[in-house]
Amino acid sequence: MCEPGQPPAMPATAGEALAALESALDYLNGTNAASLPAAEQASA
């Protein structure tokens, strides 16, 4: 984990970058967009 105020570390390899992307997409895929307020849904 990063310390508060520190920028996140850049991936060292393409594989690490792809793993981070896959993790982020898995997280977003698990969200329930219907539960977001209308203003947030409109901005998406």
PDB file of N, CA and C in Angstrom:
ATOM      1  N   MET A   1       0.827  -1.186   0.000  1.00  0.00           N
ATOM      2  CA  MET A   1       0.000   0.000   0.000  1.00  0.00           C
ATOM      3  C   MET A   1       0.864   1.241   0.000  1.00  0.00           C
ATOM      4  N   CYS A   2       0.356   2.286  -0.583  1.00  0.00           N
ATOM      5  CA  CYS A   2       1.054   3.567  -0.611  1.00  0.00           C
ATOM      6  C   CYS A   2       0.787   4.324   0.681  1.00  0.00           C
ATOM      7  N   GLU A   3       1.753   5.113   1.057  1.00  0.00           N
ATOM      8  CA  GLU A   3       1.565   6.024   2.177  1.00  0.00           C
ATOM      9  C   GLU A   3       0.699   7.185   1.697  1.00  0.00           C
ATOM     10  N   PRO A   4      -0.101   7.786   2.589  1.00  0.00           N
ATOM     11  CA  PRO A   4      -0.910   8.928   2.171  1.00  0.00           C
ATOM     12  C   PRO A   4      -0.046  10.025   1.544  1.00  0.00           C
ATOM     13  N   GLY A   5      -0.490  10.553   0.426  1.00  0.00           N
ATOM     14  CA  GLY A   5       0.229  11.610  -0.259  1.00  0.00           C
ATOM     15  C   GLY A   5       1.261  11.132  -1.259  1.00  0.00           C
ATOM     16  N   GLN A   6       1.557   9.833  -1.267  1.00  0.00           N
ATOM     17  CA  GLN A   6       2.528   9.294  -2.226  1.00  0.00           C
ATOM     18  C   GLN A   6       1.810   8.860  -3.489  1.00  0.00           C
ATOM     19  N   PRO A   7       2.404   9.086  -4.658  1.00  0.00           N
ATOM     20  CA  PRO A   7       1.784   8.577  -5.883  1.00  0.00           C
ATOM     21  C   PRO A   7       1.920   7.056  -5.937  1.00  0.00           C
ATOM     22  N   PRO A   8       0.986   6.381  -6.597  1.00  0.00           N
ATOM     23  CA  PRO A   8       1.096   4.921  -6.701  1.00  0.00           C
ATOM     24  C   PRO A   8       2.304   4.530  -7.550  1.00  0.00           C
ATOM     25  N   ALA A   9       2.852   3.374  -7.262  1.00  0.00           N
ATOM     26  CA  ALA A   9       4.001   2.876  -8.020  1.00  0.00           C
ATOM     27  C   ALA A   9       3.545   2.440  -9.409  1.00  0.00           C
ATOM     28  N   MET A  10       4.364   2.700 -10.388  1.00  0.00           N
ATOM     29  CA  MET A  10       4.058   2.282 -11.756  1.00  0.00           C
ATOM     30  C   MET A  10       4.368   0.788 -11.894  1.00  0.00           C
ATOM     31  N   PRO A  11       3.579   0.074 -12.702  1.00  0.00           N
ATOM     32  CA  PRO A  11       3.867  -1.344 -12.928  1.00  0.00           C
ATOM     33  C   PRO A  11       5.241  -1.507 -13.582  1.00  0.00           C
ATOM     34  N   ALA A  12       5.958  -2.531 -13.177  1.00  0.00           N
ATOM     35  CA  ALA A  12       7.293  -2.767 -13.710  1.00  0.00           C
ATOM     36  C   ALA A  12       7.252  -3.486 -15.060  1.00  0.00           C
ATOM     37  N   THR A  13       6.167  -4.220 -15.300  1.00  0.00           N
ATOM     38  CA  THR A  13       6.067  -4.989 -16.544  1.00  0.00           C
ATOM     39  C   THR A  13       4.672  -4.835 -17.139  1.00  0.00           C
ATOM     40  N   ALA A  14       4.536  -5.223 -18.379  1.00  0.00           N
ATOM     41  CA  ALA A  14       3.223  -5.204 -19.016  1.00  0.00           C
ATOM     42  C   ALA A  14       2.281  -6.177 -18.318  1.00  0.00           C
ATOM     43  N   GLY A  15       2.820  -7.278 -17.847  1.00  0.00           N
ATOM     44  CA  GLY A  15       1.998  -8.254 -17.130  1.00  0.00           C
ATOM     45  C   GLY A  15       1.409  -7.679 -15.855  1.00  0.00           C
ATOM     46  N   GLU A  16       2.219  -6.912 -15.122  1.00  0.00           N
ATOM     47  CA  GLU A  16       1.713  -6.264 -13.905  1.00  0.00           C
ATOM     48  C   GLU A  16       0.634  -5.241 -14.243  1.00  0.00           C
ATOM     49  N   ALA A  17       0.832  -4.497 -15.319  1.00  0.00           N
ATOM     50  CA  ALA A  17      -0.150  -3.501 -15.744  1.00  0.00           C
ATOM     51  C   ALA A  17      -1.466  -4.173 -16.135  1.00  0.00           C
ATOM     52  N   LEU A  18      -1.378  -5.269 -16.869  1.00  0.00           N
ATOM     53  CA  LEU A  18      -2.582  -5.984 -17.268  1.00  0.00           C
ATOM     54  C   LEU A  18      -3.294  -6.599 -16.066  1.00  0.00           C
ATOM     55  N   ALA A  19      -2.545  -7.086 -15.087  1.00  0.00           N
ATOM     56  CA  ALA A  19      -3.152  -7.638 -13.879  1.00  0.00           C
ATOM     57  C   ALA A  19      -3.882  -6.556 -13.095  1.00  0.00           C
ATOM     58  N   ALA A  20      -3.301  -5.365 -13.013  1.00  0.00           N
ATOM     59  CA  ALA A  20      -3.950  -4.259 -12.314  1.00  0.00           C
ATOM     60  C   ALA A  20      -5.224  -3.853 -13.054  1.00  0.00           C
ATOM     61  N   LEU A  21      -5.165  -3.803 -14.372  1.00  0.00           N
ATOM     62  CA  LEU A  21      -6.334  -3.454 -15.170  1.00  0.00           C
ATOM     63  C   LEU A  21      -7.446  -4.485 -14.993  1.00  0.00           C
ATOM     64  N   GLU A  22      -7.082  -5.747 -15.013  1.00  0.00           N
ATOM     65  CA  GLU A  22      -8.073  -6.806 -14.834  1.00  0.00           C
ATOM     66  C   GLU A  22      -8.728  -6.706 -13.463  1.00  0.00           C
ATOM     67  N   SER A  23      -7.935  -6.419 -12.447  1.00  0.00           N
ATOM     68  CA  SER A  23      -8.475  -6.259 -11.100  1.00  0.00           C
ATOM     69  C   SER A  23      -9.452  -5.083 -11.032  1.00  0.00           C
ATOM     70  N   ALA A  24      -9.094  -3.976 -11.663  1.00  0.00           N
ATOM     71  CA  ALA A  24      -9.976  -2.802 -11.669  1.00  0.00           C
ATOM     72  C   ALA A  24     -11.277  -3.105 -12.407  1.00  0.00           C
ATOM     73  N   LEU A  25     -11.198  -3.795 -13.527  1.00  0.00           N
ATOM     74  CA  LEU A  25     -12.402  -4.140 -14.273  1.00  0.00           C
ATOM     75  C   LEU A  25     -13.279  -5.122 -13.507  1.00  0.00           C
ATOM     76  N   ASP A  26     -12.667  -6.063 -12.796  1.00  0.00           N
ATOM     77  CA  ASP A  26     -13.431  -6.985 -11.953  1.00  0.00           C
ATOM     78  C   ASP A  26     -14.186  -6.229 -10.870  1.00  0.00           C
ATOM     79  N   TYR A  27     -13.533  -5.236 -10.271  1.00  0.00           N
ATOM     80  CA  TYR A  27     -14.179  -4.425  -9.236  1.00  0.00           C
ATOM     81  C   TYR A  27     -15.377  -3.681  -9.823  1.00  0.00           C
ATOM     82  N   LEU A  28     -15.172  -3.018 -10.959  1.00  0.00           N
ATOM     83  CA  LEU A  28     -16.260  -2.265 -11.582  1.00  0.00           C
ATOM     84  C   LEU A  28     -17.391  -3.179 -12.018  1.00  0.00           C
ATOM     85  N   ASN A  29     -17.056  -4.356 -12.481  1.00  0.00           N
ATOM     86  CA  ASN A  29     -18.067  -5.317 -12.916  1.00  0.00           C
ATOM     87  C   ASN A  29     -18.940  -5.771 -11.746  1.00  0.00           C
ATOM     88  N   GLY A  30     -18.402  -5.729 -10.534  1.00  0.00           N
ATOM     89  CA  GLY A  30     -19.147  -6.157  -9.359  1.00  0.00           C
ATOM     90  C   GLY A  30     -20.005  -5.071  -8.748  1.00  0.00           C
ATOM     91  N   THR A  31     -19.934  -3.846  -9.262  1.00  0.00           N
ATOM     92  CA  THR A  31     -20.737  -2.766  -8.696  1.00  0.00           C
ATOM     93  C   THR A  31     -22.162  -2.824  -9.227  1.00  0.00           C
ATOM     94  N   ASN A  32     -23.057  -2.209  -8.504  1.00  0.00           N
ATOM     95  CA  ASN A  32     -24.455  -2.147  -8.902  1.00  0.00           C
ATOM     96  C   ASN A  32     -24.758  -0.720  -9.335  1.00  0.00           C
ATOM     97  N   ALA A  33     -24.665  -0.448 -10.626  1.00  0.00           N
ATOM     98  CA  ALA A  33     -24.857   0.911 -11.136  1.00  0.00           C
ATOM     99  C   ALA A  33     -26.258   1.433 -10.857  1.00  0.00           C
ATOM    100  N   ALA A  34     -27.236   0.552 -10.766  1.00  0.00           N
ATOM    101  CA  ALA A  34     -28.607   0.992 -10.502  1.00  0.00           C
ATOM    102  C   ALA A  34     -28.757   1.616  -9.132  1.00  0.00           C
ATOM    103  N   SER A  35     -27.840   1.325  -8.230  1.00  0.00           N
ATOM    104  CA  SER A  35     -27.923   1.887  -6.879  1.00  0.00           C
ATOM    105  C   SER A  35     -27.293   3.268  -6.778  1.00  0.00           C
ATOM    106  N   LEU A  36     -26.634   3.734  -7.847  1.00  0.00           N
ATOM    107  CA  LEU A  36     -26.022   5.061  -7.832  1.00  0.00           C
ATOM    108  C   LEU A  36     -27.081   6.142  -8.002  1.00  0.00           C
ATOM    109  N   PRO A  37     -26.847   7.323  -7.409  1.00  0.00           N
ATOM    110  CA  PRO A  37     -27.784   8.432  -7.634  1.00  0.00           C
ATOM    111  C   PRO A  37     -27.846   8.804  -9.109  1.00  0.00           C
ATOM    112  N   ALA A  38     -28.942   9.414  -9.520  1.00  0.00           N
ATOM    113  CA  ALA A  38     -29.167   9.745 -10.933  1.00  0.00           C
ATOM    114  C   ALA A  38     -28.054  10.629 -11.492  1.00  0.00           C
ATOM    115  N   ALA A  39     -27.562  11.578 -10.702  1.00  0.00           N
ATOM    116  CA  ALA A  39     -26.494  12.475 -11.190  1.00  0.00           C
ATOM    117  C   ALA A  39     -25.226  11.695 -11.520  1.00  0.00           C
ATOM    118  N   GLU A  40     -24.896  10.697 -10.716  1.00  0.00           N
ATOM    119  CA  GLU A  40     -23.697   9.891 -10.988  1.00  0.00           C
ATOM    120  C   GLU A  40     -23.916   8.987 -12.186  1.00  0.00           C
ATOM    121  N   GLN A  41     -25.116   8.454 -12.332  1.00  0.00           N
ATOM    122  CA  GLN A  41     -25.390   7.623 -13.497  1.00  0.00           C
ATOM    123  C   GLN A  41     -25.311   8.447 -14.780  1.00  0.00           C
ATOM    124  N   ALA A  42     -25.760   9.678 -14.740  1.00  0.00           N
ATOM    125  CA  ALA A  42     -25.748  10.532 -15.926  1.00  0.00           C
ATOM    126  C   ALA A  42     -24.343  10.903 -16.350  1.00  0.00           C
ATOM    127  N   SER A  43     -23.415  10.983 -15.387  1.00  0.00           N
ATOM    128  CA  SER A  43     -22.044  11.372 -15.727  1.00  0.00           C
ATOM    129  C   SER A  43     -21.218  10.197 -16.249  1.00  0.00           C
ATOM    130  N   ALA A  44     -21.733   9.006 -16.124  1.00  0.00           N
ATOM    131  CA  ALA A  44     -20.977   7.823 -16.533  1.00  0.00           C
ATOM    132  C   ALA A  44     -21.060   7.565 -18.003  1.00  0.00           C
TER     133      ALA A  44
END
